């Protein structure tokens, strides 16, 4: 488990920052820009990641499910709780999806998403997906702006039919457009 403070710009064609091990965490400082032309700006697998954005994350090329920030959970039975916070100075932008968070199969999975800044995607602003986990432990807070440029889903939660809703969903301010 590593905590990284990223304070230098990165511009690349592949994944810019990879959170490798379960529990790797990242803080992107204000004024720092991460750009990936063809890969993810930030990608993490194996769960238990915390990503805090005070700077800018941009993904250039991409289709609907190609995200600027992509976190997945519950790999090989490891609980997959994820946390993403976009602060007031934070910007996440993609030609596909701004932020994608995937829950795995574990009943201990939960997603914690807080947005105070700007999250935008050409196709989807935020996509939260669950294979079969109990979504009732997840938290979604938006006092910033989440938008999609093509008028598709700004916020989308893919849940199995029998899955409970979020434990807490809160909107304030400009909201979801």
C-alpha atoms as a PDB file:
ATOM      1  CA  UNK A   1       0.000   0.000   0.000  1.00  0.00           C
ATOM      2  CA  UNK A   2       1.507   3.241  -1.215  1.00  0.00           C
ATOM      3  CA  UNK A   3       0.300   6.831  -0.861  1.00  0.00           C
ATOM      4  CA  UNK A   4       1.496   9.029  -3.738  1.00  0.00           C
ATOM      5  CA  UNK A   5       1.321  12.820  -3.948  1.00  0.00           C
ATOM      6  CA  UNK A   6       1.522  13.707  -7.650  1.00  0.00           C
ATOM      7  CA  UNK A   7       2.729  17.286  -8.125  1.00  0.00           C
ATOM      8  CA  UNK A   8       4.367  17.124 -11.558  1.00  0.00           C
ATOM      9  CA  UNK A   9       2.557  17.092 -14.899  1.00  0.00           C
ATOM     10  CA  UNK A  10       2.421  13.890 -16.962  1.00  0.00           C
ATOM     11  CA  UNK A  11       1.611  13.750 -20.674  1.00  0.00           C
ATOM     12  CA  UNK A  12       1.697  10.311 -22.286  1.00  0.00           C
ATOM     13  CA  UNK A  13       0.024   8.051 -24.835  1.00  0.00           C
ATOM     14  CA  UNK A  14      -0.537   5.118 -22.423  1.00  0.00           C
ATOM     15  CA  UNK A  15      -1.869   4.932 -18.884  1.00  0.00           C
ATOM     16  CA  UNK A  16      -0.371   7.905 -17.044  1.00  0.00           C
ATOM     17  CA  UNK A  17      -0.672   6.616 -13.454  1.00  0.00           C
ATOM     18  CA  UNK A  18      -1.289   2.998 -12.476  1.00  0.00           C
ATOM     19  CA  UNK A  19      -2.260   2.147  -8.922  1.00  0.00           C
ATOM     20  CA  UNK A  20      -0.806  -1.330  -8.874  1.00  0.00           C
ATOM     21  CA  UNK A  21      -1.405  -3.007  -5.550  1.00  0.00           C
ATOM     22  CA  UNK A  22      -4.554  -3.194  -3.512  1.00  0.00           C
ATOM     23  CA  UNK A  23      -4.674  -0.123  -1.300  1.00  0.00           C
ATOM     24  CA  UNK A  24      -2.484   2.182  -3.404  1.00  0.00           C
ATOM     25  CA  UNK A  25      -3.747   5.758  -2.998  1.00  0.00           C
ATOM     26  CA  UNK A  26      -3.176   8.999  -4.931  1.00  0.00           C
ATOM     27  CA  UNK A  27      -3.514  12.728  -4.301  1.00  0.00           C
ATOM     28  CA  UNK A  28      -3.217  14.952  -7.408  1.00  0.00           C
ATOM     29  CA  UNK A  29      -2.254  18.450  -6.313  1.00  0.00           C
ATOM     30  CA  UNK A  30      -3.878  21.666  -7.529  1.00  0.00           C
ATOM     31  CA  UNK A  31      -2.243  22.965 -10.706  1.00  0.00           C
ATOM     32  CA  UNK A  32      -0.990  19.516 -11.742  1.00  0.00           C
ATOM     33  CA  UNK A  33      -2.214  18.086 -15.057  1.00  0.00           C
ATOM     34  CA  UNK A  34      -2.326  14.429 -16.088  1.00  0.00           C
ATOM     35  CA  UNK A  35      -2.997  13.813 -19.794  1.00  0.00           C
ATOM     36  CA  UNK A  36      -3.266  10.483 -21.571  1.00  0.00           C
ATOM     37  CA  UNK A  37      -3.862  10.609 -25.287  1.00  0.00           C
ATOM     38  CA  UNK A  38      -4.930   6.949 -25.633  1.00  0.00           C
ATOM     39  CA  UNK A  39      -4.843   5.349 -22.155  1.00  0.00           C
ATOM     40  CA  UNK A  40      -6.332   6.112 -18.768  1.00  0.00           C
ATOM     41  CA  UNK A  41      -5.174   9.149 -16.836  1.00  0.00           C
ATOM     42  CA  UNK A  42      -5.428   7.091 -13.634  1.00  0.00           C
ATOM     43  CA  UNK A  43      -6.158   3.366 -13.502  1.00  0.00           C
ATOM     44  CA  UNK A  44      -6.420   1.064 -10.500  1.00  0.00           C
ATOM     45  CA  UNK A  45      -7.355  -2.568 -10.050  1.00  0.00           C
ATOM     46  CA  UNK A  46      -7.597  -4.906  -7.064  1.00  0.00           C
ATOM     47  CA  UNK A  47      -9.651  -2.448  -5.034  1.00  0.00           C
ATOM     48  CA  UNK A  48      -9.195  -0.437  -1.879  1.00  0.00           C
ATOM     49  CA  UNK A  49      -7.949   2.660  -3.713  1.00  0.00           C
ATOM     50  CA  UNK A  50      -8.488   6.287  -2.712  1.00  0.00           C
ATOM     51  CA  UNK A  51      -8.015   8.893  -5.455  1.00  0.00           C
ATOM     52  CA  UNK A  52      -8.227  12.589  -4.605  1.00  0.00           C
ATOM     53  CA  UNK A  53      -8.162  15.129  -7.434  1.00  0.00           C
ATOM     54  CA  UNK A  54      -7.356  18.812  -6.886  1.00  0.00           C
ATOM     55  CA  UNK A  55      -5.700  19.138 -10.322  1.00  0.00           C
ATOM     56  CA  UNK A  56      -6.729  18.081 -13.836  1.00  0.00           C
ATOM     57  CA  UNK A  57      -7.041  14.601 -15.406  1.00  0.00           C
ATOM     58  CA  UNK A  58      -7.682  14.370 -19.168  1.00  0.00           C
ATOM     59  CA  UNK A  59      -8.116  11.418 -21.508  1.00  0.00           C
ATOM     60  CA  UNK A  60      -7.952  12.277 -25.210  1.00  0.00           C
ATOM     61  CA  UNK A  61      -8.956   9.377 -27.471  1.00  0.00           C
ATOM     62  CA  UNK A  62     -11.576   6.927 -26.386  1.00  0.00           C
ATOM     63  CA  UNK A  63     -14.921   5.319 -26.762  1.00  0.00           C
ATOM     64  CA  UNK A  64     -17.910   5.236 -24.459  1.00  0.00           C
ATOM     65  CA  UNK A  65     -16.275   3.095 -21.753  1.00  0.00           C
ATOM     66  CA  UNK A  66     -12.771   4.569 -21.941  1.00  0.00           C
ATOM     67  CA  UNK A  67     -12.390   6.617 -18.767  1.00  0.00           C
ATOM     68  CA  UNK A  68     -10.027   9.330 -17.591  1.00  0.00           C
ATOM     69  CA  UNK A  69     -10.152   7.618 -14.162  1.00  0.00           C
ATOM     70  CA  UNK A  70     -10.926   3.890 -14.043  1.00  0.00           C
ATOM     71  CA  UNK A  71     -11.067   1.926 -10.783  1.00  0.00           C
ATOM     72  CA  UNK A  72     -12.072  -1.727 -10.521  1.00  0.00           C
ATOM     73  CA  UNK A  73     -12.622  -3.886  -7.481  1.00  0.00           C
ATOM     74  CA  UNK A  74     -12.814  -7.412  -6.103  1.00  0.00           C
ATOM     75  CA  UNK A  75     -10.054  -9.105  -8.037  1.00  0.00           C
ATOM     76  CA  UNK A  76      -9.451 -12.662  -6.784  1.00  0.00           C
ATOM     77  CA  UNK A  77     -11.728 -12.169  -3.779  1.00  0.00           C
ATOM     78  CA  UNK A  78     -10.059  -8.975  -2.521  1.00  0.00           C
ATOM     79  CA  UNK A  79     -12.746  -6.564  -1.275  1.00  0.00           C
ATOM     80  CA  UNK A  80     -13.007  -3.758  -3.769  1.00  0.00           C
ATOM     81  CA  UNK A  81     -14.050  -0.607  -1.925  1.00  0.00           C
ATOM     82  CA  UNK A  82     -13.027   2.489  -3.906  1.00  0.00           C
ATOM     83  CA  UNK A  83     -13.057   6.191  -3.119  1.00  0.00           C
ATOM     84  CA  UNK A  84     -12.845   9.123  -5.539  1.00  0.00           C
ATOM     85  CA  UNK A  85     -12.975  12.762  -4.452  1.00  0.00           C
ATOM     86  CA  UNK A  86     -12.853  15.623  -6.961  1.00  0.00           C
ATOM     87  CA  UNK A  87     -12.198  18.881  -5.095  1.00  0.00           C
ATOM     88  CA  UNK A  88     -13.468  22.347  -6.160  1.00  0.00           C
ATOM     89  CA  UNK A  89     -10.298  22.951  -8.196  1.00  0.00           C
ATOM     90  CA  UNK A  90     -10.459  19.459  -9.732  1.00  0.00           C
ATOM     91  CA  UNK A  91     -11.326  18.720 -13.346  1.00  0.00           C
ATOM     92  CA  UNK A  92     -11.781  15.259 -14.868  1.00  0.00           C
ATOM     93  CA  UNK A  93     -12.460  15.161 -18.613  1.00  0.00           C
ATOM     94  CA  UNK A  94     -12.587  12.428 -21.236  1.00  0.00           C
ATOM     95  CA  UNK A  95     -13.666  11.833 -24.814  1.00  0.00           C
ATOM     96  CA  UNK A  96     -15.342   8.701 -23.404  1.00  0.00           C
ATOM     97  CA  UNK A  97     -16.281   8.504 -19.707  1.00  0.00           C
ATOM     98  CA  UNK A  98     -14.983  10.907 -17.066  1.00  0.00           C
ATOM     99  CA  UNK A  99     -14.863   8.472 -14.124  1.00  0.00           C
ATOM    100  CA  UNK A 100     -15.675   4.762 -14.064  1.00  0.00           C
ATOM    101  CA  UNK A 101     -15.864   2.800 -10.812  1.00  0.00           C
ATOM    102  CA  UNK A 102     -16.564  -0.938 -10.999  1.00  0.00           C
ATOM    103  CA  UNK A 103     -17.718  -3.040  -8.082  1.00  0.00           C
ATOM    104  CA  UNK A 104     -16.897  -6.714  -8.102  1.00  0.00           C
ATOM    105  CA  UNK A 105     -18.685  -9.712  -6.673  1.00  0.00           C
ATOM    106  CA  UNK A 106     -17.821  -9.251  -2.994  1.00  0.00           C
ATOM    107  CA  UNK A 107     -20.584  -8.213  -0.597  1.00  0.00           C
ATOM    108  CA  UNK A 108     -18.031  -5.925   1.075  1.00  0.00           C
ATOM    109  CA  UNK A 109     -17.573  -3.745  -1.992  1.00  0.00           C
ATOM    110  CA  UNK A 110     -18.594  -0.101  -1.759  1.00  0.00           C
ATOM    111  CA  UNK A 111     -18.002   3.023  -3.816  1.00  0.00           C
ATOM    112  CA  UNK A 112     -17.518   6.436  -2.241  1.00  0.00           C
ATOM    113  CA  UNK A 113     -17.759   9.247  -4.757  1.00  0.00           C
ATOM    114  CA  UNK A 114     -17.665  12.973  -3.917  1.00  0.00           C
ATOM    115  CA  UNK A 115     -17.575  15.707  -6.537  1.00  0.00           C
ATOM    116  CA  UNK A 116     -17.106  19.375  -5.734  1.00  0.00           C
ATOM    117  CA  UNK A 117     -15.479  20.243  -9.075  1.00  0.00           C
ATOM    118  CA  UNK A 118     -16.118  19.352 -12.727  1.00  0.00           C
ATOM    119  CA  UNK A 119     -16.449  15.859 -14.188  1.00  0.00           C
ATOM    120  CA  UNK A 120     -17.235  15.589 -17.876  1.00  0.00           C
ATOM    121  CA  UNK A 121     -17.253  12.891 -20.503  1.00  0.00           C
ATOM    122  CA  UNK A 122     -18.285  12.993 -24.114  1.00  0.00           C
ATOM    123  CA  UNK A 123     -20.484   9.939 -23.514  1.00  0.00           C
ATOM    124  CA  UNK A 124     -20.776   9.621 -19.722  1.00  0.00           C
ATOM    125  CA  UNK A 125     -19.678  11.845 -16.876  1.00  0.00           C
ATOM    126  CA  UNK A 126     -19.643   9.164 -14.153  1.00  0.00           C
ATOM    127  CA  UNK A 127     -20.327   5.455 -14.622  1.00  0.00           C
ATOM    128  CA  UNK A 128     -20.659   3.292 -11.517  1.00  0.00           C
ATOM    129  CA  UNK A 129     -21.069  -0.409 -12.283  1.00  0.00           C
ATOM    130  CA  UNK A 130     -21.876  -3.353 -10.004  1.00  0.00           C
ATOM    131  CA  UNK A 131     -21.645  -7.029 -10.926  1.00  0.00           C
ATOM    132  CA  UNK A 132     -23.730  -8.175  -7.973  1.00  0.00           C
ATOM    133  CA  UNK A 133     -22.495  -6.300  -4.924  1.00  0.00           C
ATOM    134  CA  UNK A 134     -24.727  -4.690  -2.305  1.00  0.00           C
ATOM    135  CA  UNK A 135     -24.824  -1.043  -3.371  1.00  0.00           C
ATOM    136  CA  UNK A 136     -26.421   0.020  -0.088  1.00  0.00           C
ATOM    137  CA  UNK A 137     -22.982   0.751   1.398  1.00  0.00           C
ATOM    138  CA  UNK A 138     -22.045   3.122  -1.425  1.00  0.00           C
ATOM    139  CA  UNK A 139     -22.105   6.926  -1.188  1.00  0.00           C
ATOM    140  CA  UNK A 140     -22.577   9.499  -3.954  1.00  0.00           C
ATOM    141  CA  UNK A 141     -22.211  13.238  -3.262  1.00  0.00           C
ATOM    142  CA  UNK A 142     -22.272  15.934  -5.922  1.00  0.00           C
ATOM    143  CA  UNK A 143     -22.081  19.654  -5.216  1.00  0.00           C
ATOM    144  CA  UNK A 144     -20.085  20.318  -8.380  1.00  0.00           C
ATOM    145  CA  UNK A 145     -20.970  19.659 -12.020  1.00  0.00           C
ATOM    146  CA  UNK A 146     -21.198  16.328 -13.834  1.00  0.00           C
ATOM    147  CA  UNK A 147     -21.913  16.512 -17.536  1.00  0.00           C
ATOM    148  CA  UNK A 148     -21.808  14.558 -20.784  1.00  0.00           C
ATOM    149  CA  UNK A 149     -21.172  16.377 -24.034  1.00  0.00           C
ATOM    150  CA  UNK A 150     -23.340  14.201 -26.287  1.00  0.00           C
ATOM    151  CA  UNK A 151     -26.416  14.346 -24.112  1.00  0.00           C
ATOM    152  CA  UNK A 152     -25.973  10.730 -23.057  1.00  0.00           C
ATOM    153  CA  UNK A 153     -25.748   9.651 -19.418  1.00  0.00           C
ATOM    154  CA  UNK A 154     -24.138  12.214 -17.136  1.00  0.00           C
ATOM    155  CA  UNK A 155     -24.454   9.860 -14.175  1.00  0.00           C
ATOM    156  CA  UNK A 156     -25.139   6.199 -14.678  1.00  0.00           C
ATOM    157  CA  UNK A 157     -25.339   3.401 -12.146  1.00  0.00           C
ATOM    158  CA  UNK A 158     -25.589  -0.119 -13.558  1.00  0.00           C
ATOM    159  CA  UNK A 159     -27.137  -2.264 -10.854  1.00  0.00           C
ATOM    160  CA  UNK A 160     -28.609  -5.758 -10.916  1.00  0.00           C
ATOM    161  CA  UNK A 161     -32.416  -5.639 -10.560  1.00  0.00           C
ATOM    162  CA  UNK A 162     -32.393  -6.970  -6.991  1.00  0.00           C
ATOM    163  CA  UNK A 163     -29.596  -4.679  -5.747  1.00  0.00           C
ATOM    164  CA  UNK A 164     -30.514  -2.013  -3.153  1.00  0.00           C
ATOM    165  CA  UNK A 165     -29.990   1.605  -4.097  1.00  0.00           C
ATOM    166  CA  UNK A 166     -27.184   3.804  -2.803  1.00  0.00           C
ATOM    167  CA  UNK A 167     -27.021   4.314   0.953  1.00  0.00           C
ATOM    168  CA  UNK A 168     -26.797   8.040   0.344  1.00  0.00           C
ATOM    169  CA  UNK A 169     -27.207  10.197  -2.738  1.00  0.00           C
ATOM    170  CA  UNK A 170     -26.931  13.964  -2.378  1.00  0.00           C
ATOM    171  CA  UNK A 171     -27.045  16.712  -5.019  1.00  0.00           C
ATOM    172  CA  UNK A 172     -26.619  20.441  -4.590  1.00  0.00           C
ATOM    173  CA  UNK A 173     -25.517  23.297  -6.825  1.00  0.00           C
ATOM    174  CA  UNK A 174     -25.357  23.096 -10.635  1.00  0.00           C
ATOM    175  CA  UNK A 175     -25.733  19.353 -10.404  1.00  0.00           C
ATOM    176  CA  UNK A 176     -25.954  16.825 -13.128  1.00  0.00           C
ATOM    177  CA  UNK A 177     -26.512  18.161 -16.614  1.00  0.00           C
END
